[in-house]
Amino acid sequence: MITYEDFEKVDIRVGEIVKADDFPEARKPAYKLTINFGAEVGVKRSSVQINNYIKEELIGKQVIAVVNFPPKQIGPFVSEVLTLGLPDGEGGVVLLAPTKNIPLGGKMF
């Protein structure tokens, strides 16, 4: 169990995918995303293990990510944020996204 104070330390924000590239060096199917989180956080990169999205359709999509974890080296790529998703029950991942358009950098509270 964690405390509410522990949870408050996690900075979860909304960003917009501005670029999606293949990540052939990854062990599992993945994309390298470039995500704009607005002026306060800026543009960050994330590796996402997904196989049920067409990369061109990801552009412009808003997603939810943890933006205050330390960068993580994934093969030749440095992932700066953790883009959040949930298993869809069929082996895929559904990226977490707001149900309405949110200003970039909007923080979950």
Protein backbone atom coordinates (compact mmCIF):
# COMPACT_ATOMS: atom_id res chain seq x y z
CA MET A 1 0.00 0.00 0.00
CA ILE A 2 1.11 3.55 -0.66
CA THR A 3 -0.02 6.69 1.05
CA TYR A 4 -1.93 9.49 -0.59
CA GLU A 5 1.20 11.60 -0.16
CA ASP A 6 3.12 9.02 -2.24
CA PHE A 7 0.49 9.23 -4.98
CA GLU A 8 0.68 13.04 -4.98
CA LYS A 9 4.33 12.78 -6.04
CA VAL A 10 3.36 11.19 -9.37
CA ASP A 11 2.98 13.89 -12.04
CA ILE A 12 0.41 12.63 -14.55
CA ARG A 13 -0.37 14.92 -17.48
CA VAL A 14 -2.05 15.06 -20.86
CA GLY A 15 -0.02 15.47 -24.02
CA GLU A 16 -0.56 15.29 -27.76
CA ILE A 17 1.34 12.86 -29.96
CA VAL A 18 3.14 14.88 -32.63
CA LYS A 19 5.27 12.09 -34.10
CA ALA A 20 5.25 8.28 -34.12
CA ASP A 21 8.14 6.22 -35.42
CA ASP A 22 8.71 2.49 -35.71
CA PHE A 23 11.02 0.98 -33.11
CA PRO A 24 12.42 -2.12 -34.85
CA GLU A 25 15.15 -2.59 -32.21
CA ALA A 26 12.55 -3.21 -29.47
CA ARG A 27 12.01 -6.81 -28.30
CA LYS A 28 8.22 -6.48 -28.55
CA PRO A 29 6.29 -4.43 -31.14
CA ALA A 30 6.69 -0.78 -30.16
CA TYR A 31 6.62 2.79 -31.38
CA LYS A 32 8.79 5.75 -30.42
CA LEU A 33 6.42 8.63 -29.69
CA THR A 34 7.16 12.34 -29.52
CA ILE A 35 4.57 13.98 -27.26
CA ASN A 36 3.93 17.69 -26.67
CA PHE A 37 2.95 18.42 -23.06
CA GLY A 38 2.73 22.18 -23.47
CA ALA A 39 4.95 24.98 -22.19
CA GLU A 40 5.51 23.78 -18.61
CA VAL A 41 6.74 20.24 -19.44
CA GLY A 42 7.65 20.62 -23.12
CA VAL A 43 8.11 17.94 -25.76
CA LYS A 44 9.13 14.50 -24.50
CA ARG A 45 9.76 11.08 -26.04
CA SER A 46 8.26 7.75 -25.01
CA SER A 47 8.57 4.13 -26.06
CA VAL A 48 5.19 2.36 -26.10
CA GLN A 49 4.71 -1.38 -26.58
CA ILE A 50 1.59 -1.40 -28.67
CA ASN A 51 0.63 -3.44 -31.72
CA ASN A 52 -2.98 -2.49 -32.23
CA TYR A 53 -2.55 1.11 -33.46
CA ILE A 54 -1.53 2.37 -36.88
CA LYS A 55 1.22 4.89 -36.25
CA GLU A 56 -0.24 7.50 -38.62
CA GLU A 57 -3.50 7.43 -36.64
CA LEU A 58 -1.63 8.24 -33.42
CA ILE A 59 -0.66 11.73 -34.63
CA GLY A 60 -2.85 14.34 -32.92
CA LYS A 61 -4.14 11.87 -30.30
CA GLN A 62 -4.12 13.05 -26.70
CA VAL A 63 -2.61 10.60 -24.21
CA ILE A 64 -1.99 10.42 -20.47
CA ALA A 65 1.57 9.97 -19.18
CA VAL A 66 3.70 10.08 -16.06
CA VAL A 67 6.17 12.89 -16.72
CA ASN A 68 8.36 12.83 -13.59
CA PHE A 69 10.01 9.40 -13.74
CA PRO A 70 13.72 9.45 -14.57
CA PRO A 71 14.56 8.74 -18.23
CA LYS A 72 14.84 5.03 -19.08
CA GLN A 73 17.23 3.58 -21.64
CA ILE A 74 15.41 1.10 -23.89
CA GLY A 75 17.95 -0.27 -26.33
CA PRO A 76 19.24 2.68 -28.37
CA PHE A 77 16.32 4.91 -27.28
CA VAL A 78 15.81 7.02 -24.15
CA SER A 79 12.19 7.08 -22.98
CA GLU A 80 11.53 10.28 -21.00
CA VAL A 81 7.91 9.69 -19.95
CA LEU A 82 5.70 6.67 -19.24
CA THR A 83 2.69 6.70 -21.54
CA LEU A 84 -0.16 4.91 -19.78
CA GLY A 85 -2.35 2.17 -21.22
CA LEU A 86 -4.54 -0.76 -20.26
CA PRO A 87 -4.73 -4.30 -21.71
CA ASP A 88 -7.71 -4.75 -24.01
CA GLY A 89 -8.19 -8.47 -23.24
CA GLU A 90 -7.11 -9.46 -26.75
CA GLY A 91 -3.35 -8.98 -26.44
CA GLY A 92 -3.40 -5.28 -27.30
CA VAL A 93 -3.05 -2.10 -25.27
CA VAL A 94 -5.49 0.79 -25.18
CA LEU A 95 -3.71 4.09 -24.54
CA LEU A 96 -5.27 6.16 -21.76
CA ALA A 97 -6.76 9.36 -23.13
CA PRO A 98 -9.17 12.04 -21.93
CA THR A 99 -12.76 11.85 -23.18
CA LYS A 100 -12.69 15.56 -24.06
CA ASN A 101 -9.93 17.70 -25.55
CA ILE A 102 -7.80 19.01 -22.67
CA PRO A 103 -5.25 21.86 -22.74
CA LEU A 104 -1.77 20.39 -23.18
CA GLY A 105 0.02 19.76 -19.91
CA GLY A 106 -3.21 19.45 -17.94
CA LYS A 107 -2.32 17.76 -14.67
CA MET A 108 -4.33 14.98 -13.07
CA PHE A 109 -5.35 15.68 -9.50
